PDB file of all heavy atoms in Angstrom:
ATOM      1  N   ARG A   1      -6.330  -2.882   3.433  1.00  0.00           N
ATOM      2  CA  ARG A   1      -5.672  -3.413   4.651  1.00  0.00           C
ATOM      3  C   ARG A   1      -5.924  -4.907   4.864  1.00  0.00           C
ATOM      4  O   ARG A   1      -5.185  -5.585   5.546  1.00  0.00           O
ATOM      5  CB  ARG A   1      -6.119  -2.623   5.873  1.00  0.00           C
ATOM      6  CG  ARG A   1      -5.484  -1.226   5.909  1.00  0.00           C
ATOM      7  CD  ARG A   1      -6.177  -0.323   6.886  1.00  0.00           C
ATOM      8  NE  ARG A   1      -7.518   0.031   6.509  1.00  0.00           N
ATOM      9  CZ  ARG A   1      -8.231   0.967   7.068  1.00  0.00           C
ATOM     10  NH1 ARG A   1      -7.716   1.716   8.035  1.00  0.00           N
ATOM     11  NH2 ARG A   1      -9.455   1.237   6.631  1.00  0.00           N
ATOM     12  N   ASP A   2      -7.023  -5.373   4.233  1.00  0.00           N
ATOM     13  CA  ASP A   2      -7.337  -6.836   4.253  1.00  0.00           C
ATOM     14  C   ASP A   2      -6.421  -7.631   3.358  1.00  0.00           C
ATOM     15  O   ASP A   2      -6.239  -8.835   3.561  1.00  0.00           O
ATOM     16  CB  ASP A   2      -8.773  -7.088   3.893  1.00  0.00           C
ATOM     17  CG  ASP A   2      -9.770  -6.477   4.913  1.00  0.00           C
ATOM     18  OD1 ASP A   2      -9.409  -6.324   6.045  1.00  0.00           O
ATOM     19  OD2 ASP A   2     -10.927  -6.144   4.415  1.00  0.00           O
ATOM     20  N   LEU A   3      -5.796  -6.912   2.446  1.00  0.00           N
ATOM     21  CA  LEU A   3      -4.918  -7.567   1.476  1.00  0.00           C
ATOM     22  C   LEU A   3      -3.489  -7.697   1.937  1.00  0.00           C
ATOM     23  O   LEU A   3      -2.750  -8.682   1.584  1.00  0.00           O
ATOM     24  CB  LEU A   3      -4.995  -6.788   0.127  1.00  0.00           C
ATOM     25  CG  LEU A   3      -4.503  -7.442  -1.160  1.00  0.00           C
ATOM     26  CD1 LEU A   3      -5.338  -8.645  -1.470  1.00  0.00           C
ATOM     27  CD2 LEU A   3      -4.631  -6.401  -2.317  1.00  0.00           C
ATOM     28  N   LEU A   4      -3.039  -6.740   2.729  1.00  0.00           N
ATOM     29  CA  LEU A   4      -1.619  -6.669   3.101  1.00  0.00           C
ATOM     30  C   LEU A   4      -1.062  -7.869   3.800  1.00  0.00           C
ATOM     31  O   LEU A   4       0.017  -8.297   3.499  1.00  0.00           O
ATOM     32  CB  LEU A   4      -1.364  -5.329   3.875  1.00  0.00           C
ATOM     33  CG  LEU A   4      -1.611  -4.059   3.194  1.00  0.00           C
ATOM     34  CD1 LEU A   4      -1.246  -2.840   4.051  1.00  0.00           C
ATOM     35  CD2 LEU A   4      -0.848  -3.975   1.895  1.00  0.00           C
ATOM     36  N   PRO A   5      -1.805  -8.484   4.762  1.00  0.00           N
ATOM     37  CA  PRO A   5      -1.156  -9.625   5.438  1.00  0.00           C
ATOM     38  C   PRO A   5      -0.916 -10.804   4.508  1.00  0.00           C
ATOM     39  O   PRO A   5      -0.131 -11.702   4.872  1.00  0.00           O
ATOM     40  CB  PRO A   5      -2.170 -10.037   6.501  1.00  0.00           C
ATOM     41  CG  PRO A   5      -3.041  -8.796   6.703  1.00  0.00           C
ATOM     42  CD  PRO A   5      -3.087  -8.160   5.390  1.00  0.00           C
ATOM     43  N   LEU A   6      -1.526 -10.818   3.290  1.00  0.00           N
ATOM     44  CA  LEU A   6      -1.441 -11.967   2.395  1.00  0.00           C
ATOM     45  C   LEU A   6      -0.354 -11.805   1.288  1.00  0.00           C
ATOM     46  O   LEU A   6      -0.101 -12.727   0.547  1.00  0.00           O
ATOM     47  CB  LEU A   6      -2.773 -12.158   1.699  1.00  0.00           C
ATOM     48  CG  LEU A   6      -4.028 -12.258   2.632  1.00  0.00           C
ATOM     49  CD1 LEU A   6      -5.310 -12.301   1.797  1.00  0.00           C
ATOM     50  CD2 LEU A   6      -3.904 -13.425   3.566  1.00  0.00           C
ATOM     51  N   VAL A   7       0.309 -10.672   1.231  1.00  0.00           N
ATOM     52  CA  VAL A   7       1.171 -10.381   0.115  1.00  0.00           C
ATOM     53  C   VAL A   7       2.598 -10.004   0.574  1.00  0.00           C
ATOM     54  O   VAL A   7       2.826  -9.622   1.719  1.00  0.00           O
ATOM     55  CB  VAL A   7       0.618  -9.266  -0.773  1.00  0.00           C
ATOM     56  CG1 VAL A   7      -0.786  -9.650  -1.292  1.00  0.00           C
ATOM     57  CG2 VAL A   7       0.542  -7.959  -0.018  1.00  0.00           C
ATOM     58  N   ASP A   8       3.548 -10.160  -0.373  1.00  0.00           N
ATOM     59  CA  ASP A   8       4.922  -9.686  -0.213  1.00  0.00           C
ATOM     60  C   ASP A   8       5.096  -8.278  -0.749  1.00  0.00           C
ATOM     61  O   ASP A   8       5.981  -7.554  -0.311  1.00  0.00           O
ATOM     62  CB  ASP A   8       5.873 -10.589  -0.925  1.00  0.00           C
ATOM     63  CG  ASP A   8       5.695 -12.086  -0.544  1.00  0.00           C
ATOM     64  OD1 ASP A   8       5.813 -12.385   0.663  1.00  0.00           O
ATOM     65  OD2 ASP A   8       5.469 -12.890  -1.460  1.00  0.00           O
ATOM     66  N   ALA A   9       4.287  -7.962  -1.797  1.00  0.00           N
ATOM     67  CA  ALA A   9       4.466  -6.653  -2.490  1.00  0.00           C
ATOM     68  C   ALA A   9       3.099  -6.200  -3.020  1.00  0.00           C
ATOM     69  O   ALA A   9       2.178  -6.997  -3.181  1.00  0.00           O
ATOM     70  CB  ALA A   9       5.407  -6.864  -3.642  1.00  0.00           C
ATOM     71  N   VAL A  10       3.049  -4.860  -3.309  1.00  0.00           N
ATOM     72  CA  VAL A  10       1.807  -4.314  -3.799  1.00  0.00           C
ATOM     73  C   VAL A  10       2.147  -3.409  -4.978  1.00  0.00           C
ATOM     74  O   VAL A  10       3.252  -2.795  -5.081  1.00  0.00           O
ATOM     75  CB  VAL A  10       1.006  -3.503  -2.739  1.00  0.00           C
ATOM     76  CG1 VAL A  10       0.545  -4.393  -1.658  1.00  0.00           C
ATOM     77  CG2 VAL A  10       1.880  -2.339  -2.185  1.00  0.00           C
ATOM     78  N   ILE A  11       1.221  -3.282  -5.884  1.00  0.00           N
ATOM     79  CA  ILE A  11       1.199  -2.195  -6.904  1.00  0.00           C
ATOM     80  C   ILE A  11       0.104  -1.251  -6.598  1.00  0.00           C
ATOM     81  O   ILE A  11      -1.064  -1.644  -6.448  1.00  0.00           O
ATOM     82  CB  ILE A  11       1.033  -2.825  -8.284  1.00  0.00           C
ATOM     83  CG1 ILE A  11       2.216  -3.708  -8.677  1.00  0.00           C
ATOM     84  CG2 ILE A  11       0.871  -1.671  -9.367  1.00  0.00           C
ATOM     85  CD1 ILE A  11       2.055  -4.402 -10.022  1.00  0.00           C
ATOM     86  N   ILE A  12       0.456   0.026  -6.439  1.00  0.00           N
ATOM     87  CA  ILE A  12      -0.525   1.046  -6.099  1.00  0.00           C
ATOM     88  C   ILE A  12      -0.885   1.837  -7.355  1.00  0.00           C
ATOM     89  O   ILE A  12      -0.045   2.559  -7.890  1.00  0.00           O
ATOM     90  CB  ILE A  12      -0.032   1.992  -5.017  1.00  0.00           C
ATOM     91  CG1 ILE A  12       0.300   1.225  -3.727  1.00  0.00           C
ATOM     92  CG2 ILE A  12      -1.000   3.083  -4.731  1.00  0.00           C
ATOM     93  CD1 ILE A  12       0.930   2.023  -2.626  1.00  0.00           C
ATOM     94  N   ALA A  13      -2.118   1.671  -7.822  1.00  0.00           N
ATOM     95  CA  ALA A  13      -2.637   2.359  -9.017  1.00  0.00           C
ATOM     96  C   ALA A  13      -3.871   3.144  -8.653  1.00  0.00           C
ATOM     97  O   ALA A  13      -4.837   3.148  -9.405  1.00  0.00           O
ATOM     98  CB  ALA A  13      -2.886   1.383 -10.150  1.00  0.00           C
ATOM     99  N   ALA A  14      -3.869   3.689  -7.443  1.00  0.00           N
ATOM    100  CA  ALA A  14      -5.035   4.479  -6.925  1.00  0.00           C
ATOM    101  C   ALA A  14      -4.894   5.923  -7.384  1.00  0.00           C
ATOM    102  O   ALA A  14      -3.846   6.306  -7.931  1.00  0.00           O
ATOM    103  CB  ALA A  14      -5.047   4.360  -5.455  1.00  0.00           C
ATOM    104  N   PRO A  15      -5.948   6.771  -7.165  1.00  0.00           N
ATOM    105  CA  PRO A  15      -5.791   8.202  -7.486  1.00  0.00           C
ATOM    106  C   PRO A  15      -4.590   8.846  -6.803  1.00  0.00           C
ATOM    107  O   PRO A  15      -4.165   8.401  -5.739  1.00  0.00           O
ATOM    108  CB  PRO A  15      -7.096   8.779  -7.003  1.00  0.00           C
ATOM    109  CG  PRO A  15      -8.114   7.612  -7.069  1.00  0.00           C
ATOM    110  CD  PRO A  15      -7.290   6.467  -6.709  1.00  0.00           C
ATOM    111  N   THR A  16      -4.030   9.844  -7.432  1.00  0.00           N
ATOM    112  CA  THR A  16      -2.786  10.487  -6.960  1.00  0.00           C
ATOM    113  C   THR A  16      -2.865  10.946  -5.541  1.00  0.00           C
ATOM    114  O   THR A  16      -1.882  10.835  -4.760  1.00  0.00           O
ATOM    115  CB  THR A  16      -2.358  11.642  -7.925  1.00  0.00           C
ATOM    116  OG1 THR A  16      -2.212  11.123  -9.256  1.00  0.00           O
ATOM    117  CG2 THR A  16      -1.077  12.224  -7.512  1.00  0.00           C
ATOM    118  N   GLY A  17      -4.008  11.494  -5.156  1.00  0.00           N
ATOM    119  CA  GLY A  17      -4.141  12.003  -3.795  1.00  0.00           C
ATOM    120  C   GLY A  17      -3.966  10.973  -2.704  1.00  0.00           C
ATOM    121  O   GLY A  17      -3.638  11.306  -1.550  1.00  0.00           O
ATOM    122  N   CYS A  18      -4.057   9.679  -3.064  1.00  0.00           N
ATOM    123  CA  CYS A  18      -3.910   8.613  -2.116  1.00  0.00           C
ATOM    124  C   CYS A  18      -2.498   8.019  -2.099  1.00  0.00           C
ATOM    125  O   CYS A  18      -2.215   7.166  -1.271  1.00  0.00           O
ATOM    126  CB  CYS A  18      -4.887   7.471  -2.419  1.00  0.00           C
ATOM    127  SG  CYS A  18      -6.639   8.000  -2.511  1.00  0.00           S
ATOM    128  N   HIS A  19      -1.658   8.395  -3.048  1.00  0.00           N
ATOM    129  CA  HIS A  19      -0.362   7.718  -3.265  1.00  0.00           C
ATOM    130  C   HIS A  19       0.476   7.667  -2.035  1.00  0.00           C
ATOM    131  O   HIS A  19       0.951   6.637  -1.562  1.00  0.00           O
ATOM    132  CB  HIS A  19       0.384   8.373  -4.406  1.00  0.00           C
ATOM    133  CG  HIS A  19      -0.092   7.946  -5.772  1.00  0.00           C
ATOM    134  ND1 HIS A  19       0.540   8.292  -6.972  1.00  0.00           N
ATOM    135  CD2 HIS A  19      -1.187   7.257  -6.180  1.00  0.00           C
ATOM    136  CE1 HIS A  19      -0.106   7.791  -7.980  1.00  0.00           C
ATOM    137  NE2 HIS A  19      -1.153   7.148  -7.556  1.00  0.00           N
ATOM    138  N   ALA A  20       0.734   8.869  -1.446  1.00  0.00           N
ATOM    139  CA  ALA A  20       1.696   8.951  -0.359  1.00  0.00           C
ATOM    140  C   ALA A  20       1.196   8.177   0.840  1.00  0.00           C
ATOM    141  O   ALA A  20       1.960   7.390   1.486  1.00  0.00           O
ATOM    142  CB  ALA A  20       1.927  10.416   0.000  1.00  0.00           C
ATOM    143  N   GLN A  21      -0.038   8.336   1.213  1.00  0.00           N
ATOM    144  CA  GLN A  21      -0.569   7.629   2.387  1.00  0.00           C
ATOM    145  C   GLN A  21      -0.539   6.129   2.207  1.00  0.00           C
ATOM    146  O   GLN A  21      -0.129   5.362   3.120  1.00  0.00           O
ATOM    147  CB  GLN A  21      -2.017   8.054   2.670  1.00  0.00           C
ATOM    148  CG  GLN A  21      -2.668   7.358   3.851  1.00  0.00           C
ATOM    149  CD  GLN A  21      -4.128   7.784   4.033  1.00  0.00           C
ATOM    150  OE1 GLN A  21      -4.601   8.713   3.442  1.00  0.00           O
ATOM    151  NE2 GLN A  21      -4.818   6.972   4.828  1.00  0.00           N
ATOM    152  N   LEU A  22      -0.991   5.632   1.080  1.00  0.00           N
ATOM    153  CA  LEU A  22      -1.005   4.187   0.808  1.00  0.00           C
ATOM    154  C   LEU A  22       0.434   3.624   0.831  1.00  0.00           C
ATOM    155  O   LEU A  22       0.620   2.534   1.427  1.00  0.00           O
ATOM    156  CB  LEU A  22      -1.699   3.917  -0.507  1.00  0.00           C
ATOM    157  CG  LEU A  22      -3.157   4.081  -0.552  1.00  0.00           C
ATOM    158  CD1 LEU A  22      -3.751   3.947  -2.002  1.00  0.00           C
ATOM    159  CD2 LEU A  22      -3.916   3.050   0.361  1.00  0.00           C
ATOM    160  N   ALA A  23       1.314   4.326   0.169  1.00  0.00           N
ATOM    161  CA  ALA A  23       2.708   3.807   0.070  1.00  0.00           C
ATOM    162  C   ALA A  23       3.379   3.801   1.492  1.00  0.00           C
ATOM    163  O   ALA A  23       4.015   2.834   1.830  1.00  0.00           O
ATOM    164  CB  ALA A  23       3.484   4.701  -0.844  1.00  0.00           C
ATOM    165  N   ARG A  24       3.095   4.791   2.297  1.00  0.00           N
ATOM    166  CA  ARG A  24       3.614   4.806   3.667  1.00  0.00           C
ATOM    167  C   ARG A  24       3.122   3.591   4.465  1.00  0.00           C
ATOM    168  O   ARG A  24       3.863   2.981   5.221  1.00  0.00           O
ATOM    169  CB  ARG A  24       3.297   6.083   4.364  1.00  0.00           C
ATOM    170  CG  ARG A  24       4.141   7.325   3.891  1.00  0.00           C
ATOM    171  CD  ARG A  24       4.064   8.492   4.921  1.00  0.00           C
ATOM    172  NE  ARG A  24       2.664   8.873   5.194  1.00  0.00           N
ATOM    173  CZ  ARG A  24       2.053   9.838   4.524  1.00  0.00           C
ATOM    174  NH1 ARG A  24       2.669  10.515   3.527  1.00  0.00           N
ATOM    175  NH2 ARG A  24       0.804  10.156   4.853  1.00  0.00           N
ATOM    176  N   GLU A  25       1.802   3.394   4.368  1.00  0.00           N
ATOM    177  CA  GLU A  25       1.191   2.258   5.084  1.00  0.00           C
ATOM    178  C   GLU A  25       1.837   0.930   4.688  1.00  0.00           C
ATOM    179  O   GLU A  25       2.181   0.094   5.544  1.00  0.00           O
ATOM    180  CB  GLU A  25      -0.288   2.181   4.731  1.00  0.00           C
ATOM    181  CG  GLU A  25      -1.180   2.985   5.692  1.00  0.00           C
ATOM    182  CD  GLU A  25      -2.637   2.660   5.338  1.00  0.00           C
ATOM    183  OE1 GLU A  25      -3.104   1.470   5.470  1.00  0.00           O
ATOM    184  OE2 GLU A  25      -3.394   3.616   4.973  1.00  0.00           O
ATOM    185  N   CYS A  26       2.004   0.732   3.382  1.00  0.00           N
ATOM    186  CA  CYS A  26       2.567  -0.536   2.906  1.00  0.00           C
ATOM    187  C   CYS A  26       4.011  -0.733   3.289  1.00  0.00           C
ATOM    188  O   CYS A  26       4.411  -1.774   3.732  1.00  0.00           O
ATOM    189  CB  CYS A  26       2.380  -0.602   1.372  1.00  0.00           C
ATOM    190  SG  CYS A  26       0.669  -0.648   0.840  1.00  0.00           S
ATOM    191  N   LEU A  27       4.802   0.332   3.152  1.00  0.00           N
ATOM    192  CA  LEU A  27       6.210   0.300   3.551  1.00  0.00           C
ATOM    193  C   LEU A  27       6.384   0.033   5.027  1.00  0.00           C
ATOM    194  O   LEU A  27       7.272  -0.734   5.428  1.00  0.00           O
ATOM    195  CB  LEU A  27       6.939   1.566   3.152  1.00  0.00           C
ATOM    196  CG  LEU A  27       7.140   1.834   1.667  1.00  0.00           C
ATOM    197  CD1 LEU A  27       7.597   3.258   1.410  1.00  0.00           C
ATOM    198  CD2 LEU A  27       8.100   0.799   1.093  1.00  0.00           C
ATOM    199  N   ALA A  28       5.490   0.607   5.863  1.00  0.00           N
ATOM    200  CA  ALA A  28       5.519   0.440   7.276  1.00  0.00           C
ATOM    201  C   ALA A  28       5.328  -1.045   7.690  1.00  0.00           C
ATOM    202  O   ALA A  28       5.784  -1.489   8.707  1.00  0.00           O
ATOM    203  CB  ALA A  28       4.499   1.317   8.008  1.00  0.00           C
ATOM    204  N   GLN A  29       4.588  -1.753   6.873  1.00  0.00           N
ATOM    205  CA  GLN A  29       4.358  -3.189   7.099  1.00  0.00           C
ATOM    206  C   GLN A  29       5.366  -4.069   6.344  1.00  0.00           C
ATOM    207  O   GLN A  29       5.156  -5.279   6.303  1.00  0.00           O
ATOM    208  CB  GLN A  29       2.902  -3.535   6.712  1.00  0.00           C
ATOM    209  CG  GLN A  29       1.892  -2.890   7.572  1.00  0.00           C
ATOM    210  CD  GLN A  29       0.507  -3.543   7.484  1.00  0.00           C
ATOM    211  OE1 GLN A  29       0.372  -4.721   7.219  1.00  0.00           O
ATOM    212  NE2 GLN A  29      -0.522  -2.681   7.558  1.00  0.00           N
ATOM    213  N   GLY A  30       6.411  -3.460   5.825  1.00  0.00           N
ATOM    214  CA  GLY A  30       7.478  -4.253   5.151  1.00  0.00           C
ATOM    215  C   GLY A  30       7.123  -4.748   3.785  1.00  0.00           C
ATOM    216  O   GLY A  30       7.772  -5.677   3.273  1.00  0.00           O
TER     217      GLY A  30
END
């Protein structure tokens, strides 16, 4: 969450169990 205000896009290469939650968070912030 400290990274999101600084970027336009993210690559999520975390464990599968985190995929949906992390992607929803990032999409919600555009």
